Amino acid sequence: AMRGLGTWRNPQELLTLARFVGCTR
């Protein structure tokens, strides 16, 4: 799902609010 982060609302702001943890499948 991380590959789609750029389509989420305000992606640049998102990256200032948290670190993102990718759970591998």
PDB file of all heavy atoms in Angstrom:
ATOM      1  N   ALA A   1       0.819  -1.217   0.000  1.00  0.00           N
ATOM      2  CA  ALA A   1       0.000   0.000   0.000  1.00  0.00           C
ATOM      3  C   ALA A   1       0.851   1.265   0.000  1.00  0.00           C
ATOM      4  O   ALA A   1       0.388   2.329  -0.415  1.00  0.00           O
ATOM      5  CB  ALA A   1      -0.933   0.004   1.208  1.00  0.00           C
ATOM      6  N   MET A   2       2.100   1.150   0.449  1.00  0.00           N
ATOM      7  CA  MET A   2       2.976   2.329   0.489  1.00  0.00           C
ATOM      8  C   MET A   2       3.192   2.931  -0.897  1.00  0.00           C
ATOM      9  O   MET A   2       3.430   4.124  -1.022  1.00  0.00           O
ATOM     10  CB  MET A   2       4.335   1.957   1.085  1.00  0.00           C
ATOM     11  CG  MET A   2       4.396   2.072   2.584  1.00  0.00           C
ATOM     12  SD  MET A   2       6.103   1.944   3.133  1.00  0.00           S
ATOM     13  CE  MET A   2       5.899   2.338   4.858  1.00  0.00           C
ATOM     14  N   ARG A   3       3.119   2.100  -1.912  1.00  0.00           N
ATOM     15  CA  ARG A   3       3.347   2.599  -3.274  1.00  0.00           C
ATOM     16  C   ARG A   3       2.319   3.650  -3.673  1.00  0.00           C
ATOM     17  O   ARG A   3       2.565   4.461  -4.546  1.00  0.00           O
ATOM     18  CB  ARG A   3       3.317   1.433  -4.270  1.00  0.00           C
ATOM     19  CG  ARG A   3       4.381   0.375  -4.017  1.00  0.00           C
ATOM     20  CD  ARG A   3       4.185  -0.825  -4.928  1.00  0.00           C
ATOM     21  NE  ARG A   3       5.060  -1.920  -4.564  1.00  0.00           N
ATOM     22  CZ  ARG A   3       6.290  -2.085  -5.035  1.00  0.00           C
ATOM     23  NH1 ARG A   3       6.779  -1.220  -5.901  1.00  0.00           N
ATOM     24  NH2 ARG A   3       7.024  -3.121  -4.663  1.00  0.00           N
ATOM     25  N   GLY A   4       1.157   3.633  -3.020  1.00  0.00           N
ATOM     26  CA  GLY A   4       0.107   4.588  -3.358  1.00  0.00           C
ATOM     27  C   GLY A   4       0.070   5.819  -2.493  1.00  0.00           C
ATOM     28  O   GLY A   4      -0.857   6.630  -2.603  1.00  0.00           O
ATOM     29  N   LEU A   5       1.066   5.989  -1.615  1.00  0.00           N
ATOM     30  CA  LEU A   5       1.044   7.125  -0.691  1.00  0.00           C
ATOM     31  C   LEU A   5       0.941   8.467  -1.407  1.00  0.00           C
ATOM     32  O   LEU A   5       0.339   9.400  -0.901  1.00  0.00           O
ATOM     33  CB  LEU A   5       2.303   7.122   0.182  1.00  0.00           C
ATOM     34  CG  LEU A   5       2.228   6.428   1.537  1.00  0.00           C
ATOM     35  CD1 LEU A   5       3.564   6.548   2.263  1.00  0.00           C
ATOM     36  CD2 LEU A   5       1.118   7.005   2.391  1.00  0.00           C
ATOM     37  N   GLY A   6       1.533   8.568  -2.577  1.00  0.00           N
ATOM     38  CA  GLY A   6       1.526   9.828  -3.312  1.00  0.00           C
ATOM     39  C   GLY A   6       0.136  10.271  -3.732  1.00  0.00           C
ATOM     40  O   GLY A   6      -0.077  11.451  -4.041  1.00  0.00           O
ATOM     41  N   THR A   7      -0.832   9.350  -3.710  1.00  0.00           N
ATOM     42  CA  THR A   7      -2.205   9.682  -4.109  1.00  0.00           C
ATOM     43  C   THR A   7      -3.055  10.083  -2.901  1.00  0.00           C
ATOM     44  O   THR A   7      -4.202  10.479  -3.083  1.00  0.00           O
ATOM     45  CB  THR A   7      -2.879   8.490  -4.808  1.00  0.00           C
ATOM     46  OG1 THR A   7      -3.060   7.419  -3.860  1.00  0.00           O
ATOM     47  CG2 THR A   7      -2.038   7.986  -5.969  1.00  0.00           C
ATOM     48  N   TRP A   8      -2.504   9.968  -1.687  1.00  0.00           N
ATOM     49  CA  TRP A   8      -3.263  10.312  -0.488  1.00  0.00           C
ATOM     50  C   TRP A   8      -3.320  11.822  -0.336  1.00  0.00           C
ATOM     51  O   TRP A   8      -2.524  12.556  -0.912  1.00  0.00           O
ATOM     52  CB  TRP A   8      -2.615   9.687   0.744  1.00  0.00           C
ATOM     53  CG  TRP A   8      -2.690   8.192   0.787  1.00  0.00           C
ATOM     54  CD1 TRP A   8      -2.928   7.350  -0.264  1.00  0.00           C
ATOM     55  CD2 TRP A   8      -2.494   7.351   1.925  1.00  0.00           C
ATOM     56  NE1 TRP A   8      -2.900   6.049   0.147  1.00  0.00           N
ATOM     57  CE2 TRP A   8      -2.632   6.011   1.493  1.00  0.00           C
ATOM     58  CE3 TRP A   8      -2.215   7.605   3.262  1.00  0.00           C
ATOM     59  CZ2 TRP A   8      -2.503   4.927   2.358  1.00  0.00           C
ATOM     60  CZ3 TRP A   8      -2.085   6.526   4.131  1.00  0.00           C
ATOM     61  CH2 TRP A   8      -2.233   5.209   3.683  1.00  0.00           C
ATOM     62  N   ARG A   9      -4.259  12.297   0.470  1.00  0.00           N
ATOM     63  CA  ARG A   9      -4.399  13.737   0.680  1.00  0.00           C
ATOM     64  C   ARG A   9      -3.152  14.287   1.386  1.00  0.00           C
ATOM     65  O   ARG A   9      -2.693  13.746   2.378  1.00  0.00           O
ATOM     66  CB  ARG A   9      -5.647  14.032   1.513  1.00  0.00           C
ATOM     67  CG  ARG A   9      -5.758  15.498   1.931  1.00  0.00           C
ATOM     68  CD  ARG A   9      -7.087  15.825   2.566  1.00  0.00           C
ATOM     69  NE  ARG A   9      -8.119  15.968   1.543  1.00  0.00           N
ATOM     70  CZ  ARG A   9      -9.351  16.425   1.802  1.00  0.00           C
ATOM     71  NH1 ARG A   9      -9.691  16.762   3.029  1.00  0.00           N
ATOM     72  NH2 ARG A   9     -10.239  16.526   0.836  1.00  0.00           N
ATOM     73  N   ASN A  10      -2.617  15.385   0.850  1.00  0.00           N
ATOM     74  CA  ASN A  10      -1.465  16.098   1.432  1.00  0.00           C
ATOM     75  C   ASN A  10      -0.299  15.167   1.769  1.00  0.00           C
ATOM     76  O   ASN A  10       0.144  15.098   2.922  1.00  0.00           O
ATOM     77  CB  ASN A  10      -1.878  16.871   2.690  1.00  0.00           C
ATOM     78  CG  ASN A  10      -2.950  17.900   2.428  1.00  0.00           C
ATOM     79  OD1 ASN A  10      -3.171  18.301   1.284  1.00  0.00           O
ATOM     80  ND2 ASN A  10      -3.622  18.337   3.469  1.00  0.00           N
ATOM     81  N   PRO A  11       0.225  14.451   0.762  1.00  0.00           N
ATOM     82  CA  PRO A  11       1.279  13.463   1.056  1.00  0.00           C
ATOM     83  C   PRO A  11       2.533  14.069   1.670  1.00  0.00           C
ATOM     84  O   PRO A  11       3.169  13.431   2.517  1.00  0.00           O
ATOM     85  CB  PRO A  11       1.568  12.832  -0.312  1.00  0.00           C
ATOM     86  CG  PRO A  11       1.061  13.817  -1.315  1.00  0.00           C
ATOM     87  CD  PRO A  11      -0.103  14.485  -0.675  1.00  0.00           C
ATOM     88  N   GLN A  12       2.897  15.293   1.296  1.00  0.00           N
ATOM     89  CA  GLN A  12       4.099  15.899   1.877  1.00  0.00           C
ATOM     90  C   GLN A  12       3.907  16.217   3.353  1.00  0.00           C
ATOM     91  O   GLN A  12       4.820  16.040   4.170  1.00  0.00           O
ATOM     92  CB  GLN A  12       4.488  17.160   1.089  1.00  0.00           C
ATOM     93  CG  GLN A  12       4.970  16.873  -0.327  1.00  0.00           C
ATOM     94  CD  GLN A  12       6.099  15.844  -0.345  1.00  0.00           C
ATOM     95  OE1 GLN A  12       7.053  15.940   0.408  1.00  0.00           O
ATOM     96  NE2 GLN A  12       5.975  14.858  -1.230  1.00  0.00           N
ATOM     97  N   GLU A  13       2.706  16.681   3.706  1.00  0.00           N
ATOM     98  CA  GLU A  13       2.428  16.938   5.116  1.00  0.00           C
ATOM     99  C   GLU A  13       2.425  15.637   5.909  1.00  0.00           C
ATOM    100  O   GLU A  13       2.913  15.586   7.050  1.00  0.00           O
ATOM    101  CB  GLU A  13       1.087  17.657   5.284  1.00  0.00           C
ATOM    102  CG  GLU A  13       0.772  17.989   6.743  1.00  0.00           C
ATOM    103  CD  GLU A  13      -0.594  18.636   6.938  1.00  0.00           C
ATOM    104  OE1 GLU A  13      -1.243  18.987   5.939  1.00  0.00           O
ATOM    105  OE2 GLU A  13      -1.007  18.775   8.109  1.00  0.00           O
ATOM    106  N   LEU A  14       1.891  14.578   5.307  1.00  0.00           N
ATOM    107  CA  LEU A  14       1.857  13.279   5.970  1.00  0.00           C
ATOM    108  C   LEU A  14       3.245  12.872   6.458  1.00  0.00           C
ATOM    109  O   LEU A  14       3.414  12.375   7.574  1.00  0.00           O
ATOM    110  CB  LEU A  14       1.356  12.208   4.995  1.00  0.00           C
ATOM    111  CG  LEU A  14      -0.133  11.913   4.927  1.00  0.00           C
ATOM    112  CD1 LEU A  14      -0.397  10.881   3.855  1.00  0.00           C
ATOM    113  CD2 LEU A  14      -0.646  11.433   6.270  1.00  0.00           C
ATOM    114  N   LEU A  15       4.250  13.101   5.606  1.00  0.00           N
ATOM    115  CA  LEU A  15       5.605  12.658   5.915  1.00  0.00           C
ATOM    116  C   LEU A  15       6.251  13.488   7.019  1.00  0.00           C
ATOM    117  O   LEU A  15       7.320  13.127   7.508  1.00  0.00           O
ATOM    118  CB  LEU A  15       6.464  12.681   4.651  1.00  0.00           C
ATOM    119  CG  LEU A  15       6.012  11.705   3.559  1.00  0.00           C
ATOM    120  CD1 LEU A  15       6.885  11.834   2.322  1.00  0.00           C
ATOM    121  CD2 LEU A  15       6.061  10.267   4.077  1.00  0.00           C
ATOM    122  N   THR A  16       5.616  14.587   7.409  1.00  0.00           N
ATOM    123  CA  THR A  16       6.122  15.370   8.538  1.00  0.00           C
ATOM    124  C   THR A  16       5.447  14.956   9.847  1.00  0.00           C
ATOM    125  O   THR A  16       5.903  15.334  10.925  1.00  0.00           O
ATOM    126  CB  THR A  16       5.891  16.883   8.325  1.00  0.00           C
ATOM    127  OG1 THR A  16       4.483  17.168   8.411  1.00  0.00           O
ATOM    128  CG2 THR A  16       6.424  17.341   6.984  1.00  0.00           C
ATOM    129  N   LEU A  17       4.359  14.195   9.736  1.00  0.00           N
ATOM    130  CA  LEU A  17       3.575  13.845  10.925  1.00  0.00           C
ATOM    131  C   LEU A  17       3.955  12.500  11.522  1.00  0.00           C
ATOM    132  O   LEU A  17       3.702  12.239  12.698  1.00  0.00           O
ATOM    133  CB  LEU A  17       2.076  13.825  10.576  1.00  0.00           C
ATOM    134  CG  LEU A  17       1.476  15.165  10.145  1.00  0.00           C
ATOM    135  CD1 LEU A  17       0.046  14.969   9.652  1.00  0.00           C
ATOM    136  CD2 LEU A  17       1.503  16.158  11.303  1.00  0.00           C
ATOM    137  N   ALA A  18       4.537  11.609  10.707  1.00  0.00           N
ATOM    138  CA  ALA A  18       4.852  10.262  11.176  1.00  0.00           C
ATOM    139  C   ALA A  18       5.904   9.639  10.277  1.00  0.00           C
ATOM    140  O   ALA A  18       6.121  10.085   9.146  1.00  0.00           O
ATOM    141  CB  ALA A  18       3.590   9.392  11.186  1.00  0.00           C
ATOM    142  N   ARG A  19       6.539   8.605  10.798  1.00  0.00           N
ATOM    143  CA  ARG A  19       7.330   7.720   9.947  1.00  0.00           C
ATOM    144  C   ARG A  19       6.401   6.584   9.525  1.00  0.00           C
ATOM    145  O   ARG A  19       5.471   6.229  10.257  1.00  0.00           O
ATOM    146  CB  ARG A  19       8.557   7.202  10.691  1.00  0.00           C
ATOM    147  CG  ARG A  19       9.506   8.326  11.073  1.00  0.00           C
ATOM    148  CD  ARG A  19      10.661   7.823  11.900  1.00  0.00           C
ATOM    149  NE  ARG A  19      11.636   7.125  11.067  1.00  0.00           N
ATOM    150  CZ  ARG A  19      12.728   6.530  11.561  1.00  0.00           C
ATOM    151  NH1 ARG A  19      12.955   6.544  12.860  1.00  0.00           N
ATOM    152  NH2 ARG A  19      13.577   5.923  10.757  1.00  0.00           N
ATOM    153  N   PHE A  20       6.639   6.017   8.355  1.00  0.00           N
ATOM    154  CA  PHE A  20       5.739   5.014   7.806  1.00  0.00           C
ATOM    155  C   PHE A  20       6.415   3.646   7.821  1.00  0.00           C
ATOM    156  O   PHE A  20       7.536   3.494   7.346  1.00  0.00           O
ATOM    157  CB  PHE A  20       5.286   5.414   6.398  1.00  0.00           C
ATOM    158  CG  PHE A  20       4.260   6.510   6.424  1.00  0.00           C
ATOM    159  CD1 PHE A  20       4.634   7.822   6.678  1.00  0.00           C
ATOM    160  CD2 PHE A  20       2.919   6.228   6.262  1.00  0.00           C
ATOM    161  CE1 PHE A  20       3.690   8.834   6.753  1.00  0.00           C
ATOM    162  CE2 PHE A  20       1.963   7.228   6.338  1.00  0.00           C
ATOM    163  CZ  PHE A  20       2.349   8.530   6.580  1.00  0.00           C
ATOM    164  N   VAL A  21       5.711   2.684   8.406  1.00  0.00           N
ATOM    165  CA  VAL A  21       6.243   1.338   8.593  1.00  0.00           C
ATOM    166  C   VAL A  21       5.568   0.400   7.608  1.00  0.00           C
ATOM    167  O   VAL A  21       4.344   0.190   7.677  1.00  0.00           O
ATOM    168  CB  VAL A  21       6.005   0.838  10.030  1.00  0.00           C
ATOM    169  CG1 VAL A  21       6.641  -0.536  10.222  1.00  0.00           C
ATOM    170  CG2 VAL A  21       6.535   1.844  11.045  1.00  0.00           C
ATOM    171  N   GLY A  22       6.335  -0.148   6.691  1.00  0.00           N
ATOM    172  CA  GLY A  22       5.802  -1.079   5.713  1.00  0.00           C
ATOM    173  C   GLY A  22       5.910  -2.505   6.221  1.00  0.00           C
ATOM    174  O   GLY A  22       7.009  -3.004   6.472  1.00  0.00           O
ATOM    175  N   CYS A  23       4.773  -3.160   6.400  1.00  0.00           N
ATOM    176  CA  CYS A  23       4.748  -4.568   6.808  1.00  0.00           C
ATOM    177  C   CYS A  23       4.791  -5.414   5.543  1.00  0.00           C
ATOM    178  O   CYS A  23       3.879  -5.336   4.715  1.00  0.00           O
ATOM    179  CB  CYS A  23       3.472  -4.871   7.595  1.00  0.00           C
ATOM    180  SG  CYS A  23       3.355  -3.945   9.138  1.00  0.00           S
ATOM    181  N   THR A  24       5.845  -6.196   5.387  1.00  0.00           N
ATOM    182  CA  THR A  24       6.016  -6.959   4.159  1.00  0.00           C
ATOM    183  C   THR A  24       5.095  -8.171   4.148  1.00  0.00           C
ATOM    184  O   THR A  24       4.899  -8.832   5.159  1.00  0.00           O
ATOM    185  CB  THR A  24       7.469  -7.419   3.975  1.00  0.00           C
ATOM    186  OG1 THR A  24       7.851  -8.199   5.117  1.00  0.00           O
ATOM    187  CG2 THR A  24       8.406  -6.244   3.840  1.00  0.00           C
ATOM    188  N   ARG A  25       4.549  -8.429   2.967  1.00  0.00           N
ATOM    189  CA  ARG A  25       3.745  -9.616   2.731  1.00  0.00           C
ATOM    190  C   ARG A  25       4.473 -10.449   1.681  1.00  0.00           C
ATOM    191  O   ARG A  25       5.308  -9.928   0.940  1.00  0.00           O
ATOM    192  CB  ARG A  25       2.371  -9.235   2.171  1.00  0.00           C
ATOM    193  CG  ARG A  25       1.526  -8.387   3.087  1.00  0.00           C
ATOM    194  CD  ARG A  25       0.226  -8.059   2.389  1.00  0.00           C
ATOM    195  NE  ARG A  25      -0.656  -7.245   3.217  1.00  0.00           N
ATOM    196  CZ  ARG A  25      -1.838  -6.818   2.807  1.00  0.00           C
ATOM    197  NH1 ARG A  25      -2.261  -7.115   1.592  1.00  0.00           N
ATOM    198  NH2 ARG A  25      -2.591  -6.086   3.598  1.00  0.00           N
TER     199      ARG A  25
END
